[in-house]
N, C-alpha and C. Protein backbone atom coordinates (compact mmCIF):
# COMPACT_ATOMS: atom_id res chain seq x y z
N MET A 1 -1.85 -7.72 -52.07
CA MET A 1 -0.76 -7.44 -51.22
C MET A 1 -0.36 -5.96 -51.06
N GLU A 2 -1.18 -4.83 -51.72
CA GLU A 2 -1.61 -3.75 -51.89
C GLU A 2 -2.10 -2.56 -50.71
N LEU A 3 -3.17 -3.69 -50.70
CA LEU A 3 -4.46 -3.36 -49.09
C LEU A 3 -3.37 -3.65 -48.06
N TYR A 4 -2.55 -4.40 -48.08
CA TYR A 4 -1.72 -4.77 -46.36
C TYR A 4 -0.87 -3.64 -46.64
N THR A 5 -0.27 -2.88 -47.80
CA THR A 5 1.15 -2.11 -47.30
C THR A 5 1.08 -1.56 -46.55
N PRO A 6 0.20 -0.37 -46.61
CA PRO A 6 -0.04 0.76 -45.03
C PRO A 6 -0.52 0.07 -43.88
N VAL A 7 -0.88 -1.39 -43.88
CA VAL A 7 -0.64 -1.54 -42.62
C VAL A 7 0.79 -2.19 -41.99
N LEU A 8 1.47 -2.63 -42.51
CA LEU A 8 2.40 -3.28 -42.76
C LEU A 8 3.43 -1.97 -42.32
N VAL A 9 3.52 -1.22 -42.92
CA VAL A 9 4.46 0.28 -42.68
C VAL A 9 3.78 0.92 -41.38
N LEU A 10 2.84 0.89 -41.48
CA LEU A 10 2.41 1.69 -39.57
C LEU A 10 2.71 0.71 -38.50
N ALA A 11 2.77 -0.53 -38.74
CA ALA A 11 3.54 -1.45 -37.86
C ALA A 11 4.93 -1.52 -37.70
N ALA A 12 5.30 -1.34 -38.72
CA ALA A 12 6.78 -1.16 -38.89
C ALA A 12 7.39 -0.09 -38.00
N LEU A 13 6.57 1.09 -38.57
CA LEU A 13 6.85 2.58 -37.29
C LEU A 13 6.63 2.43 -36.43
N ALA A 14 5.49 1.79 -36.00
CA ALA A 14 5.01 1.69 -34.04
C ALA A 14 6.28 0.83 -33.69
N ALA A 15 6.68 -0.35 -34.65
CA ALA A 15 7.72 -1.01 -34.07
C ALA A 15 9.19 -0.06 -33.36
N LEU A 16 9.22 0.69 -34.58
CA LEU A 16 10.50 1.47 -34.94
C LEU A 16 10.39 2.45 -33.77
N PHE A 17 9.19 3.14 -33.74
CA PHE A 17 8.65 4.29 -32.34
C PHE A 17 8.88 3.68 -31.07
N ALA A 18 8.68 2.08 -30.64
CA ALA A 18 8.54 1.28 -29.34
C ALA A 18 10.12 1.43 -29.43
N VAL A 19 10.68 0.63 -29.83
CA VAL A 19 12.14 0.29 -29.55
C VAL A 19 13.06 2.06 -29.80
N GLY A 20 12.86 2.36 -30.44
CA GLY A 20 13.83 3.58 -30.32
C GLY A 20 13.14 4.33 -29.45
N SER A 21 12.40 4.52 -28.19
CA SER A 21 12.08 5.25 -26.91
C SER A 21 12.54 4.66 -26.19
N VAL A 22 12.54 3.14 -26.22
CA VAL A 22 13.27 2.37 -25.24
C VAL A 22 15.18 2.76 -25.33
N ALA A 23 15.31 2.75 -26.06
CA ALA A 23 16.73 2.86 -26.40
C ALA A 23 17.18 4.33 -26.10
N MET A 24 16.13 5.56 -26.64
CA MET A 24 16.72 6.84 -26.41
C MET A 24 16.72 7.32 -24.63
N SER A 25 15.72 6.14 -23.98
CA SER A 25 15.27 6.58 -22.69
C SER A 25 17.20 6.06 -22.16
N ALA A 26 17.67 4.91 -22.51
CA ALA A 26 18.92 4.72 -22.08
C ALA A 26 20.08 5.85 -22.07
N PHE A 27 19.81 6.08 -23.42
CA PHE A 27 21.08 6.96 -23.61
C PHE A 27 20.46 8.35 -22.70
N VAL A 28 19.57 8.75 -22.91
CA VAL A 28 19.16 10.19 -22.41
C VAL A 28 19.08 10.49 -20.99
N GLY A 29 18.27 9.40 -20.62
CA GLY A 29 17.84 9.53 -19.34
C GLY A 29 18.60 9.86 -18.19
N PRO A 30 18.21 10.07 -17.11
CA PRO A 30 19.33 10.30 -15.73
C PRO A 30 20.04 9.32 -15.59
N ALA A 31 21.38 9.23 -14.82
CA ALA A 31 21.75 7.69 -14.53
C ALA A 31 22.21 7.92 -13.48
N ARG A 32 21.14 9.13 -12.31
CA ARG A 32 21.86 8.92 -11.02
C ARG A 32 21.20 8.22 -10.13
N TYR A 33 21.49 6.85 -9.82
CA TYR A 33 20.77 5.60 -8.85
C TYR A 33 21.36 6.10 -7.98
N ASN A 34 20.05 5.86 -6.82
CA ASN A 34 20.49 5.71 -5.27
C ASN A 34 20.00 4.56 -4.75
N ARG A 35 19.70 3.74 -3.53
CA ARG A 35 19.19 2.71 -3.40
C ARG A 35 17.85 2.96 -3.11
N ALA A 36 16.82 4.03 -2.70
CA ALA A 36 15.74 4.11 -2.66
C ALA A 36 15.18 3.69 -4.16
N LYS A 37 15.78 4.06 -5.00
CA LYS A 37 15.24 4.18 -6.42
C LYS A 37 15.50 2.80 -6.73
N LEU A 38 16.59 2.04 -6.77
CA LEU A 38 16.48 0.50 -6.80
C LEU A 38 16.06 -0.31 -6.30
N ASP A 39 15.03 0.45 -4.95
CA ASP A 39 14.42 -0.89 -4.27
C ASP A 39 13.23 -1.26 -4.40
N SER A 40 11.94 -2.19 -4.02
CA SER A 40 11.39 -2.54 -5.14
C SER A 40 10.20 -1.58 -3.96
N TYR A 41 9.07 -1.39 -4.70
CA TYR A 41 8.06 -0.88 -4.24
C TYR A 41 6.69 -1.64 -3.91
N GLU A 42 6.70 -1.48 -2.58
CA GLU A 42 4.99 -2.43 -2.19
C GLU A 42 4.20 -1.56 -1.83
N CYS A 43 3.57 -0.70 -2.69
CA CYS A 43 1.97 -0.05 -2.42
C CYS A 43 2.78 0.68 -0.92
N GLY A 44 3.58 1.51 -1.17
CA GLY A 44 3.99 2.32 0.23
C GLY A 44 4.56 1.82 1.22
N ILE A 45 4.44 0.58 1.06
CA ILE A 45 5.05 0.12 2.74
C ILE A 45 6.57 -0.80 2.13
N GLU A 46 7.19 -0.46 3.65
CA GLU A 46 8.30 -0.99 3.24
C GLU A 46 8.51 -2.38 2.93
N PRO A 47 9.34 -2.84 1.90
CA PRO A 47 9.46 -4.21 1.59
C PRO A 47 9.84 -5.42 2.34
N THR A 48 9.15 -6.26 2.48
CA THR A 48 9.99 -7.49 3.25
C THR A 48 10.80 -8.17 2.69
N PRO A 49 12.26 -8.49 3.40
CA PRO A 49 13.13 -9.04 2.57
C PRO A 49 12.34 -10.94 2.90
N GLN A 50 12.46 -11.26 1.49
CA GLN A 50 12.02 -13.01 1.07
C GLN A 50 13.32 -13.51 0.72
N ALA A 51 13.29 -14.63 0.62
CA ALA A 51 14.67 -15.66 -0.07
C ALA A 51 13.79 -15.82 -1.43
N ILE A 52 15.03 -15.91 -2.46
CA ILE A 52 14.73 -16.24 -3.45
C ILE A 52 13.75 -17.42 -3.74
N GLY A 53 12.68 -17.03 -4.36
CA GLY A 53 11.43 -17.79 -4.64
C GLY A 53 10.60 -18.09 -3.20
N GLY A 54 10.52 -16.73 -2.79
CA GLY A 54 9.60 -17.01 -1.45
C GLY A 54 8.24 -16.62 -1.55
N ARG A 55 7.47 -17.21 -0.89
CA ARG A 55 6.09 -17.09 -0.84
C ARG A 55 5.62 -15.97 -0.92
N PHE A 56 4.11 -15.79 -1.57
CA PHE A 56 3.97 -14.39 -1.27
C PHE A 56 2.03 -14.40 -1.30
N PRO A 57 1.57 -13.98 -0.24
CA PRO A 57 0.60 -14.41 0.48
C PRO A 57 -0.36 -14.69 -0.70
N VAL A 58 -1.73 -15.24 -0.05
CA VAL A 58 -2.64 -15.30 -0.75
C VAL A 58 -3.42 -14.11 -0.67
N LYS A 59 -3.81 -13.43 0.09
CA LYS A 59 -4.53 -11.77 -0.40
C LYS A 59 -4.31 -10.96 -1.59
N TYR A 60 -2.59 -11.05 -2.03
CA TYR A 60 -2.69 -10.14 -3.49
C TYR A 60 -3.07 -11.33 -4.57
N TYR A 61 -3.40 -12.08 -4.17
CA TYR A 61 -4.14 -12.86 -5.66
C TYR A 61 -5.39 -13.18 -5.45
N ILE A 62 -6.06 -12.74 -4.12
CA ILE A 62 -7.63 -12.91 -4.00
C ILE A 62 -7.85 -12.02 -4.16
N THR A 63 -7.22 -10.69 -3.75
CA THR A 63 -7.63 -8.91 -4.54
C THR A 63 -7.36 -9.04 -5.81
N ALA A 64 -6.08 -9.62 -6.73
CA ALA A 64 -6.52 -9.76 -8.03
C ALA A 64 -7.51 -10.71 -8.98
N MET A 65 -8.03 -11.79 -8.14
CA MET A 65 -9.05 -12.21 -8.92
C MET A 65 -10.58 -11.54 -8.88
N LEU A 66 -10.47 -10.88 -7.31
CA LEU A 66 -11.57 -9.74 -7.24
C LEU A 66 -11.78 -9.14 -8.30
N PHE A 67 -10.36 -8.13 -8.48
CA PHE A 67 -10.86 -7.13 -9.36
C PHE A 67 -11.24 -7.88 -10.87
N ILE A 68 -10.74 -8.83 -11.24
CA ILE A 68 -11.03 -9.28 -12.18
C ILE A 68 -12.42 -10.01 -12.41
N VAL A 69 -12.84 -10.40 -11.89
CA VAL A 69 -14.20 -10.89 -11.56
C VAL A 69 -15.44 -10.06 -11.49
N PHE A 70 -15.19 -8.89 -11.00
CA PHE A 70 -15.72 -7.96 -10.82
C PHE A 70 -15.76 -6.83 -11.80
N ASP A 71 -14.50 -6.72 -12.93
CA ASP A 71 -13.91 -5.82 -13.50
C ASP A 71 -15.34 -6.74 -14.67
N ILE A 72 -15.20 -7.65 -15.03
CA ILE A 72 -15.37 -8.68 -16.13
C ILE A 72 -17.13 -8.46 -15.88
N GLU A 73 -17.93 -8.77 -14.51
CA GLU A 73 -18.96 -8.16 -14.69
C GLU A 73 -19.80 -7.37 -15.06
N ILE A 74 -18.72 -6.06 -14.77
CA ILE A 74 -19.09 -4.80 -15.34
C ILE A 74 -19.19 -5.08 -16.52
N ILE A 75 -18.17 -5.27 -17.27
CA ILE A 75 -18.16 -4.94 -19.05
C ILE A 75 -19.60 -5.79 -19.80
N PHE A 76 -20.07 -7.06 -18.54
CA PHE A 76 -21.62 -7.21 -19.32
C PHE A 76 -22.51 -6.23 -18.92
N LEU A 77 -22.36 -4.91 -18.42
CA LEU A 77 -23.25 -3.60 -18.49
C LEU A 77 -23.51 -3.43 -19.73
N TYR A 78 -22.26 -3.15 -20.41
CA TYR A 78 -22.44 -2.09 -21.64
C TYR A 78 -23.12 -2.38 -22.84
N PRO A 79 -23.40 -3.82 -23.29
CA PRO A 79 -24.18 -4.32 -23.81
C PRO A 79 -26.08 -3.82 -23.40
N TRP A 80 -25.88 -4.35 -22.48
CA TRP A 80 -27.47 -3.86 -22.27
C TRP A 80 -27.73 -2.80 -22.09
N ALA A 81 -26.96 -1.53 -21.85
CA ALA A 81 -26.68 -0.53 -21.60
C ALA A 81 -27.07 0.36 -23.26
N VAL A 82 -26.57 -0.29 -23.81
CA VAL A 82 -26.43 -0.19 -25.51
C VAL A 82 -28.08 -0.26 -25.87
N HIS A 83 -28.48 -1.47 -25.89
CA HIS A 83 -29.94 -2.35 -26.11
C HIS A 83 -31.10 -2.31 -25.16
N PHE A 84 -30.47 -1.21 -24.74
CA PHE A 84 -31.95 -0.86 -23.11
C PHE A 84 -33.28 -0.86 -23.74
N ASP A 85 -33.35 0.15 -24.75
CA ASP A 85 -34.81 0.44 -25.05
C ASP A 85 -35.31 -1.35 -26.03
N ALA A 86 -34.35 -1.63 -26.81
CA ALA A 86 -34.85 -2.87 -27.92
C ALA A 86 -35.37 -4.08 -26.71
N MET A 87 -34.69 -4.44 -25.57
CA MET A 87 -35.13 -5.51 -24.89
C MET A 87 -36.16 -5.31 -23.71
N GLY A 88 -36.79 -3.84 -23.28
CA GLY A 88 -38.21 -4.17 -22.86
C GLY A 88 -37.87 -5.01 -21.17
N TRP A 89 -38.85 -5.25 -20.70
CA TRP A 89 -39.44 -5.74 -19.23
C TRP A 89 -38.12 -6.74 -19.49
N PHE A 90 -37.91 -7.61 -20.17
CA PHE A 90 -36.78 -8.97 -20.05
C PHE A 90 -36.13 -8.49 -19.95
N GLY A 91 -34.81 -7.30 -20.68
CA GLY A 91 -33.71 -7.33 -20.17
C GLY A 91 -33.36 -6.33 -18.64
N LEU A 92 -34.86 -5.36 -18.68
CA LEU A 92 -34.78 -4.88 -17.26
C LEU A 92 -34.65 -6.39 -16.30
N ILE A 93 -35.60 -7.02 -16.14
CA ILE A 93 -35.41 -8.61 -14.65
C ILE A 93 -34.36 -9.31 -15.26
N GLU A 94 -33.79 -9.41 -16.59
CA GLU A 94 -32.41 -10.08 -16.31
C GLU A 94 -31.64 -9.05 -16.03
N MET A 95 -31.38 -7.79 -15.73
CA MET A 95 -30.07 -7.40 -15.42
C MET A 95 -30.57 -7.12 -13.86
N VAL A 96 -31.71 -7.06 -13.48
CA VAL A 96 -31.61 -6.78 -11.69
C VAL A 96 -31.24 -7.95 -11.51
N VAL A 97 -31.66 -9.30 -11.88
CA VAL A 97 -31.03 -10.41 -11.40
C VAL A 97 -29.57 -10.76 -11.24
N PHE A 98 -29.04 -10.46 -12.47
CA PHE A 98 -27.55 -9.93 -12.66
C PHE A 98 -27.09 -9.33 -11.38
N ILE A 99 -27.26 -7.98 -11.94
CA ILE A 99 -26.77 -7.00 -10.57
C ILE A 99 -27.15 -7.75 -9.30
N ALA A 100 -28.25 -8.00 -8.50
CA ALA A 100 -28.49 -9.28 -7.60
C ALA A 100 -27.35 -9.91 -7.12
N THR A 101 -26.93 -10.88 -8.42
CA THR A 101 -25.82 -11.86 -7.90
C THR A 101 -24.38 -10.83 -7.77
N VAL A 102 -24.53 -10.00 -8.77
CA VAL A 102 -23.11 -9.33 -8.22
C VAL A 102 -23.04 -8.72 -6.57
N PHE A 103 -24.08 -7.88 -6.05
CA PHE A 103 -24.36 -8.12 -4.74
C PHE A 103 -24.24 -8.95 -3.95
N VAL A 104 -25.29 -9.94 -4.23
CA VAL A 104 -24.16 -11.05 -3.21
C VAL A 104 -22.97 -11.77 -3.24
N ALA A 105 -22.21 -11.60 -4.36
CA ALA A 105 -20.88 -11.91 -4.27
C ALA A 105 -19.90 -10.74 -3.67
N TYR A 106 -20.26 -9.69 -3.91
CA TYR A 106 -19.77 -8.53 -2.90
C TYR A 106 -20.47 -8.45 -1.70
N ALA A 107 -21.16 -8.58 -1.17
CA ALA A 107 -21.27 -8.77 0.41
C ALA A 107 -20.29 -9.79 0.80
N TYR A 108 -20.28 -11.09 0.21
CA TYR A 108 -20.16 -12.27 0.60
C TYR A 108 -18.57 -12.02 1.01
N VAL A 109 -17.68 -11.30 -0.24
CA VAL A 109 -16.40 -11.18 0.04
C VAL A 109 -16.06 -9.87 1.42
N TRP A 110 -16.86 -8.97 1.22
CA TRP A 110 -17.19 -8.14 2.24
C TRP A 110 -17.26 -8.89 3.54
N ARG A 111 -18.23 -10.15 3.74
CA ARG A 111 -18.24 -10.44 5.30
C ARG A 111 -17.36 -11.33 5.42
N ARG A 112 -16.49 -11.67 4.53
CA ARG A 112 -15.32 -12.70 4.67
C ARG A 112 -13.95 -11.86 4.66
N GLY A 113 -14.24 -10.71 5.05
CA GLY A 113 -13.00 -9.90 5.05
C GLY A 113 -12.42 -9.91 4.09
N GLY A 114 -12.54 -10.15 2.25
CA GLY A 114 -11.53 -10.00 1.28
C GLY A 114 -11.37 -8.97 0.80
N LEU A 115 -11.92 -7.74 1.56
CA LEU A 115 -11.72 -6.30 0.93
C LEU A 115 -11.05 -5.61 2.33
N ASP A 116 -10.31 -6.24 3.51
CA ASP A 116 -9.83 -5.60 4.15
C ASP A 116 -8.47 -5.77 4.14
N TRP A 117 -7.17 -4.56 3.89
CA TRP A 117 -6.12 -4.43 3.97
C TRP A 117 -5.25 -4.28 5.05
N ASP A 118 -5.58 -4.88 5.87
CA ASP A 118 -4.66 -4.68 6.91
C ASP A 118 -4.15 -6.47 7.15
């Protein structure tokens, strides 16, 4: 149990700091609210009123999924970059195929209008 004592103390201090920061912001922070601050923010455009449980456009979900897909694909480049010398030609050919696949997906999304913000 001795080995875990510093970890538990650090976790308790981190939790205390997080809770304390939120609590102090409620006491110390300014309490001047106006309509603009309380209004929802949607990427710089005026928010549209929707009924409770209103439907979101599919565009939001497609954009989020595209970000996740391309972000995960880029993560696969890090191990390749670290062991580039050890893999030789095999690693180079595999990465060219991988990047070509990513480029084909990017071109497909671009062609279908998935990157248009209108």
